[in-house]
Amino acid sequence: MSGGWDLRYGARYGAGRGAPLWGAAMGRGVALGLLLVAQGGLLLLGTVGLWVLEGGPRTLGDPPGTLNASGTPRWDLASAFFFSTALLTTVGYGPVAPLSPGGKAFCLAYAALGVPFTVLTLAAVARWLSVPVTRWPQRYLRARWGWSPRGAAGLHLGLLALAVAGGFVLLPAAALWALGDSGSFLDAIFFCGMAVTTVGLGDAAVAPEGQPLRHLYRVALAAYLLLGVTAALLLLAAFQQLLELHGVSAVLRPPPAPPEEDGGLLDEGGQ
C-alpha cells in the first residue's frame, strides 16, 4: 500500500519569522483540519451504509435470520465502523465481509472512492507530524550534540523504529493477549504487525459476540488501525529522508528526459 508514496517534507516550517510564514502554517492547518473532517464524514458514510445494508433494517429480499460472514445475523454500528476502517486503510483482514448484493456493490464503490482519499489524508497527517517527530529531534541532535545530518537521521530512524515497534506492535499485542482473544502472545504480535503494515493476513482479535464491551473493543481496534498506519507512514518518511541524505534516492530516480531539439521527428515528417 505504501509503495510509491511521496512523503518528503513539504515547504519550510519554522525557518523564518513573519506573517507570510505564519499565514502559510495556518493555511496548512486549516487544510489538514478540513481533510480530517471529510475523512470522518467518509467513515460515517461507510458505517451507516454498511449498517443499513448488512445490519439494522435488512432489505425485504433477505430471508429472516440470514447470517453474514461474521456469523451474526445483524451488523451493529461498531462492526460496520470497524469494517469501514479496515477497508479504507486497505488492511482488510478477518472473516467479516458483506454478503448482500447491495453491500458488495456499496463496498466496491466505497473502496474506489474512499481508499485514495484515505491515502491522501493519512499522508497529510504524517507530513504534518513529521515536523515535531522528525525535524525537531534531528535539529536538536545537530545543534546540541554536533551530529552530522546523516548521523542524526540514522539515529532518529532507529529510535523512531523502536518507538513504533513498542507503541504500536508490542504494547497493543500485550493488551490483546491479556484480553485472551488472540491466542498466544506471538499470535497477537503477528496480528498487530500485519495491521500496522496493512498486510492484514490474520483474523484474530475480531471480538466474538460473547465478549463484554465488544462494541468498544471494535471501535478501539478501528482507531488503532488509523493510528498504526499513520505511525508506519512516519517511519517510512524518516527512512526516505535517510535515503535522500545518502544519495540513494537520486540513484533510484529515472534519468531525466533528453532536451528537445529543433527539427525533430515531427518537423522532419512535415517536410
Protein backbone atom coordinates (compact mmCIF):
# COMPACT_ATOMS: atom_id res chain seq x y z
CA MET A 1 0.00 0.00 0.00
CA SER A 2 2.72 2.41 0.95
CA GLY A 3 4.90 1.84 -2.06
CA GLY A 4 5.41 4.95 -4.15
CA TRP A 5 4.00 7.38 -1.63
CA ASP A 6 5.98 10.61 -1.73
CA LEU A 7 6.23 11.66 1.90
CA ARG A 8 9.12 14.03 1.52
CA TYR A 9 8.87 17.01 3.71
CA GLY A 10 6.98 19.94 2.28
CA ALA A 11 7.55 23.66 2.50
CA ARG A 12 9.88 25.21 5.01
CA TYR A 13 8.44 25.18 8.51
CA GLY A 14 9.79 27.43 11.19
CA ALA A 15 12.76 28.57 9.11
CA GLY A 16 11.83 32.22 9.35
CA ARG A 17 9.51 34.63 11.02
CA GLY A 18 6.75 36.95 9.99
CA ALA A 19 3.21 36.99 8.72
CA PRO A 20 3.75 35.06 5.47
CA LEU A 21 5.19 32.02 7.26
CA TRP A 22 2.51 32.14 9.96
CA GLY A 23 -0.20 32.50 7.34
CA ALA A 24 1.15 29.55 5.38
CA ALA A 25 1.24 27.41 8.52
CA MET A 26 -2.30 28.41 9.40
CA GLY A 27 -3.42 27.64 5.86
CA ARG A 28 -1.89 24.17 6.05
CA GLY A 29 -3.54 23.62 9.42
CA VAL A 30 -6.95 24.60 8.10
CA ALA A 31 -6.49 22.37 5.05
CA LEU A 32 -5.50 19.45 7.27
CA GLY A 33 -8.49 20.08 9.51
CA LEU A 34 -10.83 20.03 6.53
CA LEU A 35 -9.26 16.78 5.35
CA LEU A 36 -9.81 15.20 8.76
CA VAL A 37 -13.44 16.38 8.87
CA ALA A 38 -14.01 14.95 5.40
CA GLN A 39 -12.34 11.69 6.46
CA GLY A 40 -14.62 11.48 9.45
CA GLY A 41 -17.61 12.02 7.18
CA LEU A 42 -16.35 9.28 4.90
CA LEU A 43 -16.10 6.85 7.81
CA LEU A 44 -19.58 7.84 8.94
CA LEU A 45 -20.92 7.22 5.44
CA GLY A 46 -19.37 3.76 5.32
CA THR A 47 -20.56 2.89 8.83
CA VAL A 48 -24.16 3.91 8.23
CA GLY A 49 -24.25 2.46 4.72
CA LEU A 50 -22.96 -0.94 5.79
CA TRP A 51 -25.19 -0.96 8.86
CA VAL A 52 -28.23 -0.31 6.69
CA LEU A 53 -27.27 -2.88 4.05
CA GLU A 54 -25.84 -5.58 6.33
CA GLY A 55 -27.21 -4.71 9.75
CA GLY A 56 -30.25 -2.90 11.08
CA PRO A 57 -33.06 -2.60 8.53
CA ARG A 58 -32.41 -5.51 6.20
CA THR A 59 -33.69 -5.46 2.65
CA LEU A 60 -37.02 -7.19 2.01
CA GLY A 61 -35.42 -9.82 -0.18
CA ASP A 62 -33.24 -11.22 2.58
CA PRO A 63 -34.65 -14.30 4.29
CA PRO A 64 -35.08 -13.90 8.06
CA GLY A 65 -32.03 -14.76 10.10
CA THR A 66 -29.61 -14.61 7.18
CA LEU A 67 -26.07 -14.72 8.53
CA ASN A 68 -23.26 -12.57 7.23
CA ALA A 69 -19.66 -13.77 7.05
CA SER A 70 -19.00 -12.81 10.66
CA GLY A 71 -21.52 -15.41 11.80
CA THR A 72 -24.06 -12.91 13.18
CA PRO A 73 -27.50 -12.14 11.76
CA ARG A 74 -27.01 -8.39 12.02
CA TRP A 75 -24.13 -5.95 11.76
CA ASP A 76 -24.15 -3.42 14.57
CA LEU A 77 -22.72 0.06 14.15
CA ALA A 78 -19.43 -0.88 15.83
CA SER A 79 -18.89 -3.78 13.42
CA ALA A 80 -19.74 -1.57 10.44
CA PHE A 81 -17.31 1.10 11.65
CA PHE A 82 -14.57 -1.45 12.17
CA PHE A 83 -15.07 -2.94 8.71
CA SER A 84 -15.16 0.54 7.08
CA THR A 85 -11.86 1.44 8.74
CA ALA A 86 -10.22 -1.84 7.74
CA LEU A 87 -11.44 -1.29 4.20
CA LEU A 88 -10.22 2.31 3.87
CA THR A 89 -6.80 1.56 5.37
CA THR A 90 -6.52 -1.45 2.99
CA VAL A 91 -5.85 -3.76 5.94
CA GLY A 92 -8.92 -5.90 5.24
CA TYR A 93 -8.14 -8.85 7.48
CA GLY A 94 -10.58 -11.19 9.12
CA PRO A 95 -13.64 -13.18 8.06
CA VAL A 96 -16.05 -10.24 8.22
CA ALA A 97 -17.42 -9.34 4.79
CA PRO A 98 -20.75 -8.19 3.33
CA LEU A 99 -22.94 -10.88 1.85
CA SER A 100 -25.86 -8.97 0.35
CA PRO A 101 -25.57 -7.80 -3.29
CA GLY A 102 -26.18 -4.24 -2.16
CA GLY A 103 -23.46 -4.47 0.47
CA LYS A 104 -20.94 -5.84 -2.02
CA ALA A 105 -21.75 -3.13 -4.58
CA PHE A 106 -21.51 -0.47 -1.89
CA CYS A 107 -18.09 -1.76 -0.77
CA LEU A 108 -16.74 -1.66 -4.31
CA ALA A 109 -17.79 1.95 -4.85
CA TYR A 110 -16.80 2.94 -1.31
CA ALA A 111 -13.30 1.46 -1.67
CA ALA A 112 -12.77 3.01 -5.11
CA LEU A 113 -13.52 6.49 -3.78
CA GLY A 114 -12.50 6.14 -0.15
CA VAL A 115 -9.13 4.42 -0.34
CA PRO A 116 -7.40 7.16 -2.42
CA PHE A 117 -8.87 9.85 -0.16
CA THR A 118 -7.72 8.00 2.96
CA VAL A 119 -4.23 7.65 1.47
CA LEU A 120 -4.20 11.42 0.90
CA THR A 121 -5.43 12.16 4.43
CA LEU A 122 -3.04 9.84 6.26
CA ALA A 123 -0.10 11.05 4.15
CA ALA A 124 -1.01 14.66 5.01
CA VAL A 125 -1.23 13.82 8.72
CA ALA A 126 2.14 12.04 8.58
CA ARG A 127 3.70 15.00 6.79
CA TRP A 128 2.32 17.38 9.40
CA LEU A 129 3.54 15.24 12.30
CA SER A 130 6.97 14.85 10.72
CA VAL A 131 7.84 18.37 11.87
CA PRO A 132 7.75 17.71 15.65
CA VAL A 133 8.51 13.99 15.36
CA THR A 134 11.36 14.11 12.84
CA ARG A 135 12.67 17.60 12.15
CA TRP A 136 12.85 18.91 15.68
CA PRO A 137 14.71 15.89 17.16
CA GLN A 138 17.20 15.86 14.28
CA ARG A 139 17.75 19.60 14.61
CA TYR A 140 18.38 19.14 18.33
CA LEU A 141 20.93 16.38 17.70
CA ARG A 142 22.79 18.55 15.21
CA ALA A 143 22.71 21.76 17.26
CA ARG A 144 23.21 20.34 20.76
CA TRP A 145 25.47 17.35 20.15
CA GLY A 146 27.08 18.22 16.83
CA TRP A 147 25.76 15.24 14.89
CA SER A 148 26.08 15.27 11.14
CA PRO A 149 22.81 15.31 9.12
CA ARG A 150 23.30 11.68 8.12
CA GLY A 151 24.17 10.58 11.64
CA ALA A 152 21.24 12.45 13.16
CA ALA A 153 18.86 10.99 10.58
CA GLY A 154 20.15 7.46 11.17
CA LEU A 155 19.91 7.70 14.96
CA HIS A 156 16.46 9.22 14.74
CA LEU A 157 15.27 6.47 12.39
CA GLY A 158 16.46 3.78 14.80
CA LEU A 159 14.79 5.42 17.78
CA LEU A 160 11.59 6.00 15.83
CA ALA A 161 11.53 2.37 14.70
CA LEU A 162 11.86 1.24 18.31
CA ALA A 163 9.08 3.61 19.36
CA VAL A 164 6.73 2.40 16.64
CA ALA A 165 7.52 -1.25 17.35
CA GLY A 166 6.97 -0.78 21.06
CA GLY A 167 3.98 1.56 20.96
CA PHE A 168 2.08 0.08 18.02
CA VAL A 169 3.09 -3.59 18.00
CA LEU A 170 4.31 -4.87 21.36
CA LEU A 171 2.05 -2.89 23.70
CA PRO A 172 -1.15 -3.49 21.70
CA ALA A 173 -0.15 -7.14 21.33
CA ALA A 174 0.22 -7.42 25.09
CA ALA A 175 -3.22 -5.88 25.54
CA LEU A 176 -4.81 -8.28 23.04
CA TRP A 177 -3.06 -11.23 24.62
CA ALA A 178 -4.26 -10.16 28.08
CA LEU A 179 -7.83 -10.00 26.78
CA GLY A 180 -7.46 -13.58 25.61
CA ASP A 181 -8.90 -13.12 22.12
CA SER A 182 -5.78 -13.58 20.01
CA GLY A 183 -4.32 -16.92 21.07
CA SER A 184 -0.68 -16.78 22.08
CA PHE A 185 1.41 -13.66 22.51
CA LEU A 186 3.14 -14.44 19.22
CA ASP A 187 -0.26 -14.52 17.51
CA ALA A 188 -1.05 -11.11 18.98
CA ILE A 189 2.27 -9.71 17.72
CA PHE A 190 1.55 -11.19 14.31
CA PHE A 191 -1.88 -9.56 14.25
CA CYS A 192 -0.52 -6.11 15.22
CA GLY A 193 2.39 -6.33 12.80
CA MET A 194 0.13 -7.30 9.92
CA ALA A 195 -2.27 -4.49 10.81
CA VAL A 196 0.34 -1.72 11.02
CA THR A 197 1.95 -2.78 7.75
CA THR A 198 -1.54 -3.07 6.15
CA VAL A 199 -0.86 -6.66 5.10
CA GLY A 200 -3.78 -7.94 7.15
CA LEU A 201 -3.37 -11.71 6.94
CA GLY A 202 -4.74 -12.56 10.38
CA ASP A 203 -8.32 -12.97 11.51
CA ALA A 204 -7.66 -12.73 15.23
CA ALA A 205 -8.98 -10.10 17.60
CA VAL A 206 -12.32 -9.61 15.90
CA ALA A 207 -14.18 -9.57 19.24
CA PRO A 208 -16.56 -12.53 19.40
CA GLU A 209 -20.19 -11.91 20.18
CA GLY A 210 -19.97 -13.13 23.76
CA GLN A 211 -17.22 -10.74 24.80
CA PRO A 212 -18.16 -7.95 27.19
CA LEU A 213 -17.80 -4.44 25.76
CA ARG A 214 -17.28 -5.89 22.28
CA HIS A 215 -18.62 -2.70 20.69
CA LEU A 216 -15.99 -0.57 22.42
CA TYR A 217 -13.43 -3.25 21.56
CA ARG A 218 -14.11 -2.97 17.83
CA VAL A 219 -14.13 0.83 17.88
CA ALA A 220 -10.77 0.78 19.67
CA LEU A 221 -9.39 -1.61 17.03
CA ALA A 222 -10.57 0.73 14.27
CA ALA A 223 -8.84 3.68 15.94
CA TYR A 224 -5.72 1.53 16.33
CA LEU A 225 -5.68 0.86 12.59
CA LEU A 226 -5.77 4.56 11.75
CA LEU A 227 -3.08 5.48 14.28
CA GLY A 228 -0.89 2.49 13.45
CA VAL A 229 -0.89 3.14 9.71
CA THR A 230 -0.07 6.80 10.35
CA ALA A 231 2.86 5.76 12.56
CA ALA A 232 4.08 3.44 9.81
CA LEU A 233 3.95 6.34 7.35
CA LEU A 234 6.03 8.49 9.71
CA LEU A 235 8.61 5.72 9.84
CA LEU A 236 8.55 5.47 6.06
CA ALA A 237 9.09 9.22 5.74
CA ALA A 238 12.11 9.09 8.07
CA PHE A 239 13.55 6.18 6.09
CA GLN A 240 13.03 8.05 2.83
CA GLN A 241 14.81 11.09 4.23
CA LEU A 242 17.78 8.95 5.25
CA LEU A 243 17.96 7.51 1.74
CA GLU A 244 17.95 11.00 0.29
CA LEU A 245 20.78 12.10 2.58
CA HIS A 246 22.86 9.13 1.42
CA GLY A 247 22.08 9.80 -2.22
CA VAL A 248 20.21 6.54 -2.74
CA SER A 249 17.02 8.24 -3.89
CA ALA A 250 18.90 10.07 -6.61
CA VAL A 251 20.26 6.78 -7.94
CA LEU A 252 16.80 5.22 -7.99
CA ARG A 253 15.18 8.11 -9.83
CA PRO A 254 14.63 7.65 -13.57
CA PRO A 255 17.08 9.51 -15.82
CA PRO A 256 15.94 12.95 -16.95
CA ALA A 257 14.37 13.27 -20.35
CA PRO A 258 16.79 14.42 -23.07
CA PRO A 259 16.35 18.05 -24.12
CA GLU A 260 14.20 18.61 -27.15
CA GLU A 261 16.00 19.73 -30.26
CA ASP A 262 14.75 21.82 -33.12
CA GLY A 263 13.96 19.93 -36.28
CA GLY A 264 12.77 16.75 -34.52
CA LEU A 265 10.86 13.86 -35.97
CA LEU A 266 7.68 15.84 -36.32
CA ASP A 267 9.43 18.58 -38.23
CA GLU A 268 11.21 16.09 -40.45
CA GLY A 269 7.97 14.27 -41.14
CA GLY A 270 6.27 17.51 -42.11
CA GLN A 271 8.93 18.46 -44.65
